Amino acid sequence: MPHVITQSCCSDGSCVFACPVNCIHPTPDEPGFATAEMLYIDPAACVDCGACVSACPVGAIAPEGKLTDTQLPFVELNAAFYPERRPDEKVPPTSKLAPVPDAPVVRSRPGSPLTVAIVGSGPAAMYAADELMTQRDVRVTMFERLPTPYGLVRAGVAPDHQSTKRVTRLFDHVAAHRDLRMYLNVEVGMHLSHADLLAHHHAVLYAVGAPTDRRLHIDGMGLPGTATATEVVAWYNGHPDYAALPVHLGHHRAVIVGNGNVALDVARILTTDPDRLATTDIADHALTALRASHIDEVVIAARRGPAQSAFTLPELIGLTATCEVVLDAADHELVRRDLADTTDPLTRNKLEVLAKLGDAATPVTRPRIRLAYRLTPQRVTGEERAGGVEFIVTGTDEVRRIDAGLVLSSIGYRGRPVSGLPFDEATGTVPNDGGRVLDPATGRPVAGSYVAGWIKRGPTGFIGTNKSCAAQTVHNLVADYNAGALAAPAGGPGELDRLVRRRRPEVVDADGWRAIDAAEVARGGEHRPRVKFTSVPDMLAAAAAAPTPTFGRRLLAGLLR
């Protein structure tokens, strides 16, 4: 029986290179890879070897016969990516395999390994470190402003998507590499400057993501009861900067403006039975608030029509399999019209799922999600706190009001300026060419400065998309080192260690993170994967339980590296 890729797909491409018959597409060298909503296994070409299962970092692949009922729609979804064939038609295995990217080859210099500082510890940072450390003569130093690593995998992936978080097992392996040193709870731009890092490394690679939201500029946003969806994501995931976020759940309805995957995540969490969430790593304060919630409907409002829905098909399938999702009669009519006019297969698949949704006119018997289309927000109503949203029907003068006590915007992420580097305000990214930071005035590379991930390309793609993105940057960095374009660092690792600890005595190293991790897992007991610490002081207290090497041992370890 063929294997099937399901909703958890992170698109990192490891399965592509593990497959001996090249039956997983799009491959990283194919044009559609960067924009694909997931990867797909050709059921006619799959030889059922299971190599892809072992390679997948998030457990998204299973034999067709072992799929759960909620995963069964992915059988058809995988097959639909490939041309239609006769039932008896067999596709012979191909001998042409997807080309495996070559690792960057560092031309060693006696007594002078390539040293790279990586700022950030999310997927792009971890993939970049992994790519760099395929070579023997490379040393990586990683800096993260929080005491915990892994970025949006820890603070952005929904708690009920535990399989997606399995990618941290790969990251744990990278973090344990002997040639990687971690300095957590250290903020570059505050405790250390770009110049400080360049003084101790050949190059600095920024993988800092896109940590801010695109704002919805309408009257009333800012009232109590309003926030952004990404802030709520950080709140229920236990991010220490958002643990105290006031999330108002006392009204029976919430409205989310924007209908991307983040909006679907938030709506799902707000309408999921708290007893189900109690088996996840959701933050305790969020679980307590959700147990007392009065919300029985979340409206996800979009400016455009169903055919332009921003969410991906896998996320829609996953949502409808676990939640009650409905449409107004007028939106059902929009879906029918779009189906009649649409030829794009992916869009048709989305519309066909939408066409099967229930009618919003039915009585509310349990918390549900209502998708609403062609609604352009005008203002948040209310005097002292949010009372709802006033929309106009897109393209008309018709006004429509939806009462709500919680109003969230979910219209995308945005990068913020990096101290010491140029910044493009229009795109929210650092100007670059293949990861090489460019000086806008001259168009030339800024020596020793590189970017990867969302700060490089904007907030697009999925967790695994950062793998090929980071690989491109690392290849260019290594090429510059081999060409002699990177200045040798003036200071050694021992000097850097002293500088960091002088500037930031509360630094957390890899042992400290492992102590935090172990404590969180222990707090979870038998029924939860972990119970997170949600304040920096508590994290530091847990980290302090790790054995601390003497300065002499730290210095010796640094010299040996």
Protein backbone atom coordinates (compact mmCIF):
# COMPACT_ATOMS: atom_id res chain seq x y z
CA MET A 1 0.00 0.00 0.00
CA PRO A 2 1.30 3.53 -0.66
CA HIS A 3 2.46 5.88 2.05
CA VAL A 4 0.68 9.18 2.54
CA ILE A 5 1.82 12.62 3.70
CA THR A 6 -0.63 14.26 6.08
CA GLN A 7 -1.42 17.64 7.59
CA SER A 8 1.71 17.75 9.77
CA CYS A 9 4.00 18.11 6.72
CA CYS A 10 6.68 20.71 7.40
CA SER A 11 8.14 20.69 3.85
CA ASP A 12 11.77 20.30 4.90
CA GLY A 13 12.40 17.86 2.03
CA SER A 14 14.23 15.15 3.96
CA CYS A 15 11.72 12.58 2.74
CA VAL A 16 12.45 13.54 -0.88
CA PHE A 17 16.11 12.57 -0.61
CA ALA A 18 15.33 9.39 1.35
CA CYS A 19 12.92 8.09 -1.29
CA PRO A 20 14.66 5.54 -3.57
CA VAL A 21 12.15 5.96 -6.42
CA ASN A 22 11.67 9.75 -6.50
CA CYS A 23 7.94 9.57 -5.80
CA ILE A 24 7.68 12.62 -3.51
CA HIS A 25 7.12 16.03 -5.08
CA PRO A 26 7.66 18.89 -5.46
CA THR A 27 11.36 18.37 -4.78
CA PRO A 28 13.54 21.23 -3.52
CA ASP A 29 14.97 21.73 -7.00
CA GLU A 30 11.52 22.05 -8.60
CA PRO A 31 9.94 25.49 -9.10
CA GLY A 32 6.86 24.81 -6.99
CA PHE A 33 8.72 23.70 -3.85
CA ALA A 34 8.96 27.12 -2.15
CA THR A 35 5.23 27.80 -2.51
CA ALA A 36 3.80 24.30 -2.09
CA GLU A 37 1.32 23.90 0.77
CA MET A 38 2.83 20.48 1.53
CA LEU A 39 4.67 17.65 -0.22
CA TYR A 40 2.84 14.77 -1.90
CA ILE A 41 3.57 11.05 -2.40
CA ASP A 42 2.65 9.58 -5.78
CA PRO A 43 0.55 6.49 -4.86
CA ALA A 44 1.23 4.83 -8.20
CA ALA A 45 5.02 5.13 -7.89
CA CYS A 46 5.42 4.48 -4.15
CA VAL A 47 7.08 1.11 -3.47
CA ASP A 48 6.09 1.06 0.21
CA CYS A 49 9.66 0.92 1.50
CA GLY A 50 9.06 3.31 4.40
CA ALA A 51 12.32 5.21 3.97
CA CYS A 52 10.39 8.48 4.01
CA VAL A 53 8.84 7.64 7.39
CA SER A 54 12.24 7.51 9.06
CA ALA A 55 13.39 10.69 7.35
CA CYS A 56 10.35 12.81 8.24
CA PRO A 57 11.18 14.99 11.28
CA VAL A 58 7.53 15.58 12.26
CA GLY A 59 5.92 12.17 11.84
CA ALA A 60 3.71 13.29 8.97
CA ILE A 61 3.99 10.13 6.84
CA ALA A 62 2.17 6.83 7.38
CA PRO A 63 1.02 3.84 5.33
CA GLU A 64 -2.47 4.33 3.94
CA GLY A 65 -3.77 1.44 6.01
CA LYS A 66 -2.69 3.05 9.28
CA LEU A 67 -4.27 6.47 8.79
CA THR A 68 -6.83 7.72 11.27
CA ASP A 69 -10.30 8.70 10.08
CA THR A 70 -9.33 12.39 10.17
CA GLN A 71 -6.28 11.66 7.99
CA LEU A 72 -8.11 9.73 5.26
CA PRO A 73 -8.80 12.81 3.10
CA PHE A 74 -5.05 13.09 2.56
CA VAL A 75 -5.06 9.89 0.50
CA GLU A 76 -7.00 11.67 -2.23
CA LEU A 77 -5.09 14.92 -1.69
CA ASN A 78 -1.72 13.22 -2.30
CA ALA A 79 -3.01 11.45 -5.39
CA ALA A 80 -4.61 14.61 -6.79
CA PHE A 81 -1.21 16.27 -7.13
CA TYR A 82 -0.30 13.81 -9.91
CA PRO A 83 -1.83 13.29 -13.39
CA GLU A 84 -4.93 11.14 -13.61
CA ARG A 85 -4.20 7.53 -14.57
CA ARG A 86 -6.21 4.49 -15.50
CA PRO A 87 -6.95 2.23 -12.51
CA ASP A 88 -4.76 -0.52 -14.01
CA GLU A 89 -1.93 1.79 -15.03
CA LYS A 90 1.37 1.20 -13.25
CA VAL A 91 4.10 3.78 -13.04
CA PRO A 92 7.53 2.15 -13.23
CA PRO A 93 10.02 3.26 -10.58
CA THR A 94 12.35 5.93 -11.87
CA SER A 95 16.11 5.72 -11.79
CA LYS A 96 16.35 9.48 -11.86
CA LEU A 97 16.42 10.60 -8.23
CA ALA A 98 16.02 14.09 -6.83
CA PRO A 99 19.48 15.69 -6.76
CA VAL A 100 20.83 15.82 -3.23
CA PRO A 101 22.35 19.26 -2.59
CA ASP A 102 26.08 19.12 -2.01
CA ALA A 103 27.27 20.14 1.42
CA PRO A 104 29.33 23.33 1.44
CA VAL A 105 33.02 22.37 1.42
CA VAL A 106 35.16 24.47 3.74
CA ARG A 107 38.77 24.83 2.65
CA SER A 108 40.52 24.33 5.95
CA ARG A 109 43.14 26.71 7.23
CA PRO A 110 45.61 25.33 9.78
CA GLY A 111 44.79 26.57 13.27
CA SER A 112 41.97 28.78 12.03
CA PRO A 113 38.54 27.11 11.76
CA LEU A 114 35.65 28.97 10.21
CA THR A 115 33.75 30.63 13.07
CA VAL A 116 30.15 31.78 12.61
CA ALA A 117 27.81 33.55 14.99
CA ILE A 118 24.13 32.76 14.46
CA VAL A 119 21.63 35.19 15.95
CA GLY A 120 18.35 33.43 16.67
CA SER A 121 17.55 29.81 17.51
CA GLY A 122 14.42 29.02 15.51
CA PRO A 123 14.15 26.67 12.52
CA ALA A 124 16.24 28.80 10.13
CA ALA A 125 18.97 29.14 12.75
CA MET A 126 19.03 25.44 13.60
CA TYR A 127 19.02 24.36 9.95
CA ALA A 128 21.87 26.81 9.24
CA ALA A 129 23.89 25.45 12.15
CA ASP A 130 23.25 21.88 10.99
CA GLU A 131 24.39 22.74 7.46
CA LEU A 132 27.54 24.46 8.71
CA MET A 133 28.51 21.62 10.98
CA THR A 134 28.57 19.08 8.18
CA GLN A 135 32.19 20.26 7.97
CA ARG A 136 34.89 19.45 10.50
CA ASP A 137 36.59 22.82 10.66
CA VAL A 138 33.62 24.98 11.58
CA ARG A 139 32.64 26.41 14.98
CA VAL A 140 29.21 27.92 15.56
CA THR A 141 28.10 30.22 18.35
CA MET A 142 24.34 30.72 18.72
CA PHE A 143 22.70 33.68 20.47
CA GLU A 144 19.05 33.84 21.58
CA ARG A 145 17.37 36.59 23.63
CA LEU A 146 15.13 34.15 25.52
CA PRO A 147 16.42 31.48 27.94
CA THR A 148 14.78 28.84 25.71
CA PRO A 149 15.56 28.07 22.04
CA TYR A 150 13.60 26.97 18.94
CA GLY A 151 11.61 30.13 18.23
CA LEU A 152 8.19 29.64 16.65
CA VAL A 153 8.34 25.86 17.04
CA ARG A 154 8.08 26.43 20.79
CA ALA A 155 6.02 29.61 20.82
CA GLY A 156 4.09 29.49 17.54
CA VAL A 157 3.00 25.92 16.74
CA ALA A 158 -0.43 25.23 18.23
CA PRO A 159 -0.34 23.03 21.35
CA ASP A 160 -2.71 20.48 19.80
CA HIS A 161 -0.24 19.97 16.92
CA GLN A 162 2.31 18.01 18.94
CA SER A 163 3.45 16.00 15.93
CA THR A 164 4.67 19.19 14.25
CA LYS A 165 6.76 19.95 17.33
CA ARG A 166 8.67 16.69 16.84
CA VAL A 167 11.10 18.64 14.68
CA THR A 168 12.68 19.77 17.97
CA ARG A 169 14.18 16.28 18.22
CA LEU A 170 16.33 17.19 15.22
CA PHE A 171 17.10 20.55 16.79
CA ASP A 172 18.10 18.86 20.06
CA HIS A 173 20.58 16.78 18.07
CA VAL A 174 22.01 19.93 16.47
CA ALA A 175 22.18 21.76 19.80
CA ALA A 176 24.16 18.88 21.32
CA HIS A 177 26.88 19.05 18.65
CA ARG A 178 30.33 19.56 20.15
CA ASP A 179 31.07 22.40 17.74
CA LEU A 180 28.01 24.45 18.71
CA ARG A 181 28.02 26.79 21.72
CA MET A 182 24.76 28.36 22.86
CA TYR A 183 24.37 31.69 24.65
CA LEU A 184 20.71 31.98 25.61
CA ASN A 185 19.10 34.92 27.43
CA VAL A 186 21.50 37.20 25.53
CA GLU A 187 20.09 39.87 23.23
CA VAL A 188 22.21 41.00 20.32
CA GLY A 189 21.67 44.73 19.95
CA MET A 190 21.45 45.16 23.73
CA HIS A 191 24.07 43.02 25.48
CA LEU A 192 26.28 42.56 22.42
CA SER A 193 26.59 44.54 19.20
CA HIS A 194 27.03 43.40 15.61
CA ALA A 195 30.60 44.72 15.84
CA ASP A 196 31.21 42.61 18.96
CA LEU A 197 30.17 39.47 17.10
CA LEU A 198 32.26 40.27 14.03
CA ALA A 199 35.28 40.84 16.26
CA HIS A 200 35.05 37.22 17.40
CA HIS A 201 33.79 35.46 14.26
CA HIS A 202 34.43 35.37 10.55
CA ALA A 203 30.74 35.93 9.87
CA VAL A 204 27.43 36.70 11.56
CA LEU A 205 24.25 35.06 10.29
CA TYR A 206 20.95 36.55 11.43
CA ALA A 207 17.98 34.18 11.59
CA VAL A 208 15.72 36.35 13.71
CA GLY A 209 12.43 35.73 11.91
CA ALA A 210 9.62 38.24 11.57
CA PRO A 211 8.66 38.81 15.21
CA THR A 212 6.07 41.59 14.86
CA ASP A 213 2.55 41.70 13.43
CA ARG A 214 1.22 43.60 10.49
CA ARG A 215 -1.24 45.98 12.13
CA LEU A 216 -4.88 46.54 11.25
CA HIS A 217 -5.25 50.31 11.12
CA ILE A 218 -8.92 50.93 11.86
CA ASP A 219 -10.60 52.92 14.62
CA GLY A 220 -11.02 50.99 17.85
CA MET A 221 -8.09 48.61 17.48
CA GLY A 222 -6.29 49.14 20.76
CA LEU A 223 -9.41 49.05 22.92
CA PRO A 224 -9.48 46.45 25.69
CA GLY A 225 -10.67 43.26 24.07
CA THR A 226 -8.56 43.75 20.93
CA ALA A 227 -5.22 42.13 20.12
CA THR A 228 -3.49 40.31 17.30
CA ALA A 229 -3.87 36.61 16.68
CA THR A 230 -0.12 36.10 16.95
CA GLU A 231 -0.14 37.68 20.41
CA VAL A 232 -2.83 35.21 21.46
CA VAL A 233 -0.76 32.36 19.97
CA ALA A 234 2.18 33.49 22.10
CA TRP A 235 -0.15 33.76 25.12
CA TYR A 236 -1.48 30.22 24.95
CA ASN A 237 1.99 28.87 24.11
CA GLY A 238 3.51 30.39 27.25
CA HIS A 239 5.84 32.97 25.68
CA PRO A 240 7.13 35.01 28.66
CA ASP A 241 6.53 38.33 26.88
CA TYR A 242 2.81 37.53 26.53
CA ALA A 243 1.94 35.48 29.61
CA ALA A 244 0.11 38.47 31.11
CA LEU A 245 -1.76 39.41 27.90
CA PRO A 246 -5.40 40.22 28.75
CA VAL A 247 -7.50 37.87 26.61
CA HIS A 248 -11.20 38.64 27.04
CA LEU A 249 -13.30 35.47 26.85
CA GLY A 250 -16.43 36.68 28.64
CA HIS A 251 -18.53 37.34 25.50
CA HIS A 252 -20.10 34.52 23.51
CA ARG A 253 -18.38 35.54 20.25
CA ALA A 254 -14.89 36.40 19.01
CA VAL A 255 -14.00 37.87 15.61
CA ILE A 256 -10.72 37.28 13.79
CA VAL A 257 -9.96 39.54 10.82
CA GLY A 258 -7.89 37.58 8.30
CA ASN A 259 -8.15 33.91 7.35
CA GLY A 260 -4.64 32.48 7.13
CA ASN A 261 -3.43 29.41 9.00
CA VAL A 262 -2.77 31.40 12.18
CA ALA A 263 -6.41 32.54 12.26
CA LEU A 264 -7.52 28.92 11.93
CA ASP A 265 -5.18 27.86 14.73
CA VAL A 266 -6.50 30.50 17.13
CA ALA A 267 -10.13 29.79 16.27
CA ARG A 268 -9.57 26.08 16.82
CA ILE A 269 -7.95 26.59 20.22
CA LEU A 270 -10.71 28.98 21.33
CA THR A 271 -13.41 26.41 20.46
CA THR A 272 -11.68 23.18 21.50
CA ASP A 273 -12.81 21.34 24.63
CA PRO A 274 -10.34 22.37 27.36
CA ASP A 275 -10.16 18.76 28.52
CA ARG A 276 -8.55 17.89 25.17
CA LEU A 277 -6.10 20.76 25.50
CA ALA A 278 -5.23 19.60 29.01
CA THR A 279 -3.18 16.76 27.47
CA THR A 280 -0.99 19.20 25.50
CA ASP A 281 1.73 21.69 26.43
CA ILE A 282 -0.67 24.67 26.42
CA ALA A 283 0.27 27.23 29.09
CA ASP A 284 -1.52 26.71 32.40
CA HIS A 285 -2.80 30.30 32.53
CA ALA A 286 -4.39 29.86 29.09
CA LEU A 287 -5.97 26.54 30.00
CA THR A 288 -7.48 28.09 33.14
CA ALA A 289 -8.90 30.99 31.13
CA LEU A 290 -10.31 28.69 28.44
CA ARG A 291 -12.08 26.55 31.04
CA ALA A 292 -13.97 29.68 32.11
CA SER A 293 -14.57 30.93 28.54
CA HIS A 294 -18.06 31.95 27.36
CA ILE A 295 -17.12 31.87 23.66
CA ASP A 296 -19.37 29.64 21.58
CA GLU A 297 -18.61 31.10 18.14
CA VAL A 298 -15.49 32.42 16.45
CA VAL A 299 -16.07 34.33 13.21
CA ILE A 300 -13.12 34.34 10.79
CA ALA A 301 -13.71 37.29 8.46
CA ALA A 302 -11.95 37.83 5.13
CA ARG A 303 -12.03 40.79 2.75
CA ARG A 304 -12.11 38.65 -0.37
CA GLY A 305 -14.09 35.63 -1.53
CA PRO A 306 -13.74 31.90 -0.84
CA ALA A 307 -11.50 31.28 -3.86
CA GLN A 308 -8.93 33.68 -2.37
CA SER A 309 -8.85 32.03 1.07
CA ALA A 310 -5.39 32.42 2.60
CA PHE A 311 -5.41 29.22 4.66
CA THR A 312 -3.87 26.10 3.17
CA LEU A 313 -5.90 23.07 2.15
CA PRO A 314 -4.20 20.75 4.69
CA GLU A 315 -5.10 23.13 7.52
CA LEU A 316 -8.68 23.42 6.29
CA ILE A 317 -9.02 19.63 6.15
CA GLY A 318 -7.58 19.35 9.64
CA LEU A 319 -9.92 22.04 10.96
CA THR A 320 -13.09 20.53 9.52
CA ALA A 321 -12.11 17.10 10.84
CA THR A 322 -11.91 18.30 14.44
CA CYS A 323 -14.23 21.33 14.73
CA GLU A 324 -17.72 22.36 13.70
CA VAL A 325 -17.24 24.85 10.86
CA VAL A 326 -20.16 26.64 9.20
CA LEU A 327 -20.98 29.23 6.53
CA ASP A 328 -23.82 31.71 6.12
CA ALA A 329 -26.21 31.02 3.24
CA ALA A 330 -24.78 33.99 1.33
CA ASP A 331 -21.27 32.59 1.67
CA HIS A 332 -22.43 29.15 0.52
CA GLU A 333 -23.67 30.91 -2.61
CA LEU A 334 -20.25 32.57 -3.06
CA VAL A 335 -18.60 29.14 -2.82
CA ARG A 336 -20.92 27.75 -5.50
CA ARG A 337 -20.16 30.69 -7.80
CA ASP A 338 -16.42 30.33 -7.29
CA LEU A 339 -16.61 26.60 -8.00
CA ALA A 340 -18.28 27.31 -11.30
CA ASP A 341 -15.53 29.75 -12.29
CA THR A 342 -12.41 28.05 -10.93
CA THR A 343 -10.10 25.81 -12.92
CA ASP A 344 -7.12 25.72 -10.56
CA PRO A 345 -7.10 22.21 -8.96
CA LEU A 346 -5.87 23.33 -5.52
CA THR A 347 -8.45 26.11 -5.29
CA ARG A 348 -11.19 23.72 -6.42
CA ASN A 349 -10.21 21.30 -3.67
CA LYS A 350 -10.54 24.05 -1.07
CA LEU A 351 -13.91 25.12 -2.45
CA GLU A 352 -15.19 21.56 -2.47
CA VAL A 353 -14.38 21.26 1.22
CA LEU A 354 -16.07 24.60 1.91
CA ALA A 355 -19.15 23.53 -0.04
CA LYS A 356 -19.70 20.65 2.40
CA LEU A 357 -19.74 22.87 5.50
CA GLY A 358 -22.85 23.25 7.61
CA ASP A 359 -25.31 26.16 7.65
CA ALA A 360 -24.69 28.94 10.17
CA ALA A 361 -28.46 29.31 10.60
CA THR A 362 -28.58 26.08 12.61
CA PRO A 363 -28.70 26.52 16.40
CA VAL A 364 -25.37 26.64 18.23
CA THR A 365 -25.09 23.47 20.31
CA ARG A 366 -21.34 23.53 20.93
CA PRO A 367 -18.53 26.03 20.25
CA ARG A 368 -18.11 26.47 16.51
CA ILE A 369 -16.22 28.42 13.84
CA ARG A 370 -17.95 30.51 11.17
CA LEU A 371 -16.06 31.46 8.03
CA ALA A 372 -17.26 34.77 6.59
CA TYR A 373 -16.30 36.31 3.26
CA ARG A 374 -16.25 39.68 1.49
CA LEU A 375 -16.20 41.66 4.72
CA THR A 376 -13.91 44.70 4.88
CA PRO A 377 -13.42 45.96 8.47
CA GLN A 378 -14.16 49.64 9.11
CA ARG A 379 -13.97 50.05 12.88
CA VAL A 380 -14.14 48.24 16.18
CA THR A 381 -17.25 49.32 18.03
CA GLY A 382 -17.42 50.09 21.72
CA GLU A 383 -16.59 52.95 24.09
CA GLU A 384 -14.45 51.55 26.88
CA ARG A 385 -13.90 48.09 25.44
CA ALA A 386 -14.52 46.18 22.23
CA GLY A 387 -18.14 45.41 21.51
CA GLY A 388 -17.89 44.17 17.94
CA VAL A 389 -16.73 45.01 14.43
CA GLU A 390 -18.40 47.11 11.76
CA PHE A 391 -17.74 45.88 8.23
CA ILE A 392 -18.82 46.89 4.78
CA VAL A 393 -19.57 44.15 2.30
CA THR A 394 -16.59 44.34 -0.04
CA GLY A 395 -17.40 46.20 -3.23
CA THR A 396 -20.68 47.61 -1.90
CA ASP A 397 -21.98 50.23 0.54
CA GLU A 398 -23.75 47.65 2.69
CA VAL A 399 -22.81 47.84 6.37
CA ARG A 400 -22.70 44.70 8.47
CA ARG A 401 -22.05 44.57 12.22
CA ILE A 402 -20.92 41.55 14.20
CA ASP A 403 -21.03 41.70 17.98
CA ALA A 404 -17.97 40.33 19.75
CA GLY A 405 -16.09 40.77 23.00
CA LEU A 406 -12.74 39.70 21.54
CA VAL A 407 -11.48 41.15 18.26
CA LEU A 408 -8.22 39.86 16.78
CA SER A 409 -6.36 40.83 13.63
CA SER A 410 -4.47 38.14 11.74
CA ILE A 411 -3.04 39.75 8.65
CA GLY A 412 0.54 38.52 8.73
CA TYR A 413 3.97 38.83 10.30
CA ARG A 414 6.58 41.49 9.71
CA GLY A 415 10.33 41.66 10.31
CA ARG A 416 11.84 44.46 12.34
CA PRO A 417 15.14 46.29 11.87
CA VAL A 418 18.32 44.53 12.98
CA SER A 419 20.79 46.78 14.76
CA GLY A 420 23.84 47.35 12.59
CA LEU A 421 22.27 46.13 9.33
CA PRO A 422 20.31 47.86 6.56
CA PHE A 423 16.54 47.31 6.52
CA ASP A 424 13.87 47.49 3.83
CA GLU A 425 10.77 49.04 5.41
CA ALA A 426 8.61 48.13 2.43
CA THR A 427 9.26 44.38 2.65
CA GLY A 428 10.15 44.12 6.33
CA THR A 429 13.34 42.27 5.44
CA VAL A 430 17.09 42.84 5.39
CA PRO A 431 18.22 43.54 1.78
CA ASN A 432 20.16 40.52 0.56
CA ASP A 433 21.24 38.46 -2.39
CA GLY A 434 21.04 34.76 -1.63
CA GLY A 435 21.51 35.53 2.06
CA ARG A 436 24.40 37.95 1.61
CA VAL A 437 23.39 41.25 3.22
CA LEU A 438 23.55 44.11 0.71
CA ASP A 439 24.34 47.77 1.24
CA PRO A 440 21.40 49.59 -0.44
CA ALA A 441 23.64 52.55 -1.30
CA THR A 442 26.17 50.51 -3.27
CA GLY A 443 24.41 47.21 -3.93
CA ARG A 444 27.49 45.41 -2.64
CA PRO A 445 27.62 42.74 0.07
CA VAL A 446 28.19 43.90 3.63
CA ALA A 447 31.30 42.00 4.69
CA GLY A 448 30.69 39.12 7.07
CA SER A 449 26.90 39.70 7.32
CA TYR A 450 24.26 37.14 6.30
CA VAL A 451 20.57 36.39 6.81
CA ALA A 452 18.33 33.32 6.62
CA GLY A 453 14.66 32.59 7.22
CA TRP A 454 11.88 35.15 7.35
CA ILE A 455 14.19 38.13 7.89
CA LYS A 456 15.74 37.11 4.55
CA ARG A 457 12.73 36.23 2.40
CA GLY A 458 9.70 37.52 4.32
CA PRO A 459 7.11 35.46 6.28
CA THR A 460 6.48 32.74 3.72
CA GLY A 461 6.64 28.97 3.75
CA PHE A 462 6.59 26.45 6.56
CA ILE A 463 9.03 25.16 9.18
CA GLY A 464 10.96 22.99 6.73
CA THR A 465 11.09 25.66 4.02
CA ASN A 466 13.80 27.23 6.14
CA LYS A 467 16.05 24.25 5.44
CA SER A 468 16.69 25.07 1.79
CA CYS A 469 16.68 28.79 2.59
CA ALA A 470 19.37 28.36 5.24
CA ALA A 471 21.37 26.02 2.99
CA GLN A 472 21.55 28.68 0.27
CA THR A 473 22.85 31.24 2.75
CA VAL A 474 25.40 28.84 4.22
CA HIS A 475 26.71 27.88 0.77
CA ASN A 476 27.29 31.54 -0.04
CA LEU A 477 28.91 32.19 3.33
CA VAL A 478 31.31 29.28 2.88
CA ALA A 479 32.10 30.41 -0.67
CA ASP A 480 33.04 33.84 0.68
CA TYR A 481 35.24 32.27 3.36
CA ASN A 482 36.97 30.06 0.80
CA ALA A 483 37.57 33.10 -1.42
CA GLY A 484 39.25 34.97 1.45
CA ALA A 485 36.48 37.60 1.64
CA LEU A 486 35.91 37.18 5.40
CA ALA A 487 38.24 38.87 7.85
CA ALA A 488 39.76 36.66 10.54
CA PRO A 489 38.36 37.32 14.02
CA ALA A 490 40.53 39.38 16.35
CA GLY A 491 39.31 37.70 19.52
CA GLY A 492 39.19 34.05 20.47
CA PRO A 493 36.41 31.98 22.09
CA GLY A 494 37.76 32.51 25.57
CA GLU A 495 37.61 36.29 25.16
CA LEU A 496 34.08 36.02 23.78
CA ASP A 497 32.98 33.91 26.73
CA ARG A 498 34.33 36.46 29.19
CA LEU A 499 32.71 39.31 27.28
CA VAL A 500 29.30 37.63 27.24
CA ARG A 501 29.37 36.77 30.93
CA ARG A 502 30.52 40.25 31.87
CA ARG A 503 27.78 41.91 29.82
CA ARG A 504 25.09 39.36 30.69
CA PRO A 505 25.77 37.46 33.92
CA GLU A 506 22.36 35.74 33.59
CA VAL A 507 23.44 33.94 30.40
CA VAL A 508 22.02 30.44 29.96
CA ASP A 509 24.17 27.85 28.20
CA ALA A 510 23.21 24.52 26.62
CA ASP A 511 23.36 22.76 29.99
CA GLY A 512 21.02 25.39 31.42
CA TRP A 513 18.54 24.83 28.59
CA ARG A 514 18.68 21.09 29.11
CA ALA A 515 17.88 21.67 32.80
CA ILE A 516 14.89 23.86 31.85
CA ASP A 517 13.72 21.26 29.36
CA ALA A 518 14.01 18.41 31.86
CA ALA A 519 12.16 20.39 34.52
CA GLU A 520 9.30 21.25 32.14
CA VAL A 521 8.95 17.64 31.04
CA ALA A 522 8.94 16.50 34.69
CA ARG A 523 6.23 19.06 35.47
CA GLY A 524 4.10 17.52 32.74
CA GLY A 525 4.03 14.17 34.49
CA GLU A 526 2.34 11.23 32.78
CA HIS A 527 -0.43 13.14 31.02
CA ARG A 528 1.23 16.14 29.37
CA PRO A 529 4.35 16.44 27.19
CA ARG A 530 5.53 19.31 29.39
CA VAL A 531 4.32 22.20 31.52
CA LYS A 532 6.22 25.28 30.38
CA PHE A 533 7.77 27.94 32.53
CA THR A 534 6.19 31.22 31.44
CA SER A 535 8.44 33.72 33.21
CA VAL A 536 12.12 34.38 32.69
CA PRO A 537 12.94 34.26 36.45
CA ASP A 538 11.42 30.79 36.69
CA MET A 539 13.39 29.68 33.64
CA LEU A 540 16.61 31.03 35.14
CA ALA A 541 15.90 29.27 38.42
CA ALA A 542 15.48 25.98 36.58
CA ALA A 543 18.63 26.61 34.54
CA ALA A 544 20.58 27.24 37.73
CA ALA A 545 20.04 23.60 38.66
CA ALA A 546 22.40 22.60 35.85
CA PRO A 547 26.02 21.91 36.80
CA THR A 548 28.10 25.01 36.15
CA PRO A 549 31.67 24.50 34.94
CA THR A 550 34.40 26.64 36.41
CA PHE A 551 35.78 29.50 34.37
CA GLY A 552 38.96 27.50 33.77
CA ARG A 553 36.99 24.60 32.36
CA ARG A 554 34.96 26.95 30.18
CA LEU A 555 38.10 28.61 28.87
CA LEU A 556 39.80 25.29 28.20
CA ALA A 557 36.72 24.03 26.36
CA GLY A 558 36.71 27.20 24.30
CA LEU A 559 40.37 26.86 23.40
CA LEU A 560 39.87 23.24 22.44
CA ARG A 561 37.04 24.25 20.12
